[in-house]
Every structure is written in C-alpha cells, then in structure tokens.
Amino acid sequence: MNIILYTTHCPKCSVLEKKLAKKNIEYTEFTSVQDMLNMGINTVPVLSVNGELLPFEKANQWINSVEV
C-alpha cells in the first residue's frame, strides 16, 4: 500500500500523524507547499492512499477503519 501524507505540520496534520503512528501505518511525508499547490492541493492535511487523495475528514475515517 502506498500512503503519502501531505502536511505542513498544522494541528489537523498532527492529528493524522498521531493516528497513523498509533496504528503503525507506514507512510511517506510530503511537505513542499509549492509542489502541493502545483498538484492542486490547497488545504492540508491530505492523505493519499494508493493514489486516491483524501481530505482530512475522509482520511480520518480511513485511518479509523484500518484494522491492526
């Protein structure tokens, strides 16, 4: 599974980071704001799961649904 967290380490970003760590979900962190803007990402956090971009609420739901 390919998981990328697009983050600026804002409070919402930290929520997802902590949840990912708690469930031991491995991910790559992406922090280049300019590259995110070029990709059309203009709010963070965004979680990419196998290429599907999930905004905060959907990312939160996805993490909650992962069985450990």
C-alpha atoms as a PDB file:
ATOM      1  CA  MET A   1       0.000   0.000   0.000  1.00  0.00           C
ATOM      2  CA  ASN A   2       1.331   3.435  -0.952  1.00  0.00           C
ATOM      3  CA  ILE A   3       0.416   6.131   1.588  1.00  0.00           C
ATOM      4  CA  ILE A   4       1.541   9.755   1.430  1.00  0.00           C
ATOM      5  CA  LEU A   5       0.660  12.412   3.980  1.00  0.00           C
ATOM      6  CA  TYR A   6       0.668  15.926   2.525  1.00  0.00           C
ATOM      7  CA  THR A   7       1.333  18.080   5.568  1.00  0.00           C
ATOM      8  CA  THR A   8       2.544  21.413   6.886  1.00  0.00           C
ATOM      9  CA  HIS A   9       2.531  20.068  10.468  1.00  0.00           C
ATOM     10  CA  CYS A  10      -0.555  22.125  11.317  1.00  0.00           C
ATOM     11  CA  PRO A  11      -2.806  20.968  14.199  1.00  0.00           C
ATOM     12  CA  LYS A  12      -5.043  18.908  11.873  1.00  0.00           C
ATOM     13  CA  CYS A  13      -1.955  17.419  10.243  1.00  0.00           C
ATOM     14  CA  SER A  14      -0.703  16.404  13.680  1.00  0.00           C
ATOM     15  CA  VAL A  15      -3.978  14.591  14.377  1.00  0.00           C
ATOM     16  CA  LEU A  16      -3.478  12.396  11.312  1.00  0.00           C
ATOM     17  CA  GLU A  17       0.215  11.883  12.071  1.00  0.00           C
ATOM     18  CA  LYS A  18      -0.625  10.644  15.580  1.00  0.00           C
ATOM     19  CA  LYS A  19      -3.381   8.350  14.340  1.00  0.00           C
ATOM     20  CA  LEU A  20      -1.140   6.858  11.657  1.00  0.00           C
ATOM     21  CA  ALA A  21       1.599   6.256  14.235  1.00  0.00           C
ATOM     22  CA  LYS A  22      -0.826   4.722  16.730  1.00  0.00           C
ATOM     23  CA  LYS A  23      -1.945   2.183  14.130  1.00  0.00           C
ATOM     24  CA  ASN A  24       1.632   1.623  12.888  1.00  0.00           C
ATOM     25  CA  ILE A  25       0.651   2.627   9.358  1.00  0.00           C
ATOM     26  CA  GLU A  26       3.768   3.381   7.346  1.00  0.00           C
ATOM     27  CA  TYR A  27       3.617   6.493   5.196  1.00  0.00           C
ATOM     28  CA  THR A  28       5.747   8.989   3.359  1.00  0.00           C
ATOM     29  CA  GLU A  29       5.593  12.610   4.452  1.00  0.00           C
ATOM     30  CA  PHE A  30       5.376  15.310   1.786  1.00  0.00           C
ATOM     31  CA  THR A  31       5.901  18.914   2.934  1.00  0.00           C
ATOM     32  CA  SER A  32       6.631  21.048  -0.136  1.00  0.00           C
ATOM     33  CA  VAL A  33       3.870  23.662  -0.162  1.00  0.00           C
ATOM     34  CA  GLN A  34       4.747  24.823  -3.680  1.00  0.00           C
ATOM     35  CA  ASP A  35       4.593  21.271  -5.045  1.00  0.00           C
ATOM     36  CA  MET A  36       1.259  20.708  -3.263  1.00  0.00           C
ATOM     37  CA  LEU A  37      -0.139  23.888  -4.815  1.00  0.00           C
ATOM     38  CA  ASN A  38       1.117  22.743  -8.235  1.00  0.00           C
ATOM     39  CA  MET A  39      -0.767  19.466  -7.683  1.00  0.00           C
ATOM     40  CA  GLY A  40      -3.971  21.347  -6.871  1.00  0.00           C
ATOM     41  CA  ILE A  41      -3.783  20.677  -3.131  1.00  0.00           C
ATOM     42  CA  ASN A  42      -4.649  23.954  -1.437  1.00  0.00           C
ATOM     43  CA  THR A  43      -5.669  22.709   2.005  1.00  0.00           C
ATOM     44  CA  VAL A  44      -3.899  20.253   4.264  1.00  0.00           C
ATOM     45  CA  PRO A  45      -3.762  17.636   5.509  1.00  0.00           C
ATOM     46  CA  VAL A  46      -4.418  15.367   2.559  1.00  0.00           C
ATOM     47  CA  LEU A  47      -3.756  11.652   2.717  1.00  0.00           C
ATOM     48  CA  SER A  48      -3.025   9.789  -0.493  1.00  0.00           C
ATOM     49  CA  VAL A  49      -3.946   6.110  -0.302  1.00  0.00           C
ATOM     50  CA  ASN A  50      -2.834   4.259  -3.438  1.00  0.00           C
ATOM     51  CA  GLY A  51      -3.226   7.476  -5.432  1.00  0.00           C
ATOM     52  CA  GLU A  52      -6.640   8.484  -4.054  1.00  0.00           C
ATOM     53  CA  LEU A  53      -6.473  11.882  -2.348  1.00  0.00           C
ATOM     54  CA  LEU A  54      -8.449  12.019   0.889  1.00  0.00           C
ATOM     55  CA  PRO A  55      -9.139  15.345   2.624  1.00  0.00           C
ATOM     56  CA  PHE A  56      -8.956  15.487   6.434  1.00  0.00           C
ATOM     57  CA  GLU A  57     -12.384  14.041   7.280  1.00  0.00           C
ATOM     58  CA  LYS A  58     -12.163  11.166   4.798  1.00  0.00           C
ATOM     59  CA  ALA A  59      -8.546  10.495   5.770  1.00  0.00           C
ATOM     60  CA  ASN A  60      -9.593  10.364   9.421  1.00  0.00           C
ATOM     61  CA  GLN A  61     -12.375   7.883   8.576  1.00  0.00           C
ATOM     62  CA  TRP A  62      -9.990   5.752   6.516  1.00  0.00           C
ATOM     63  CA  ILE A  63      -7.426   5.571   9.330  1.00  0.00           C
ATOM     64  CA  ASN A  64     -10.173   4.667  11.822  1.00  0.00           C
ATOM     65  CA  SER A  65     -11.328   1.832   9.534  1.00  0.00           C
ATOM     66  CA  VAL A  66      -7.879   0.214   9.247  1.00  0.00           C
ATOM     67  CA  GLU A  67      -7.696  -2.983  11.282  1.00  0.00           C
ATOM     68  CA  VAL A  68      -4.441  -3.547  13.166  1.00  0.00           C
END
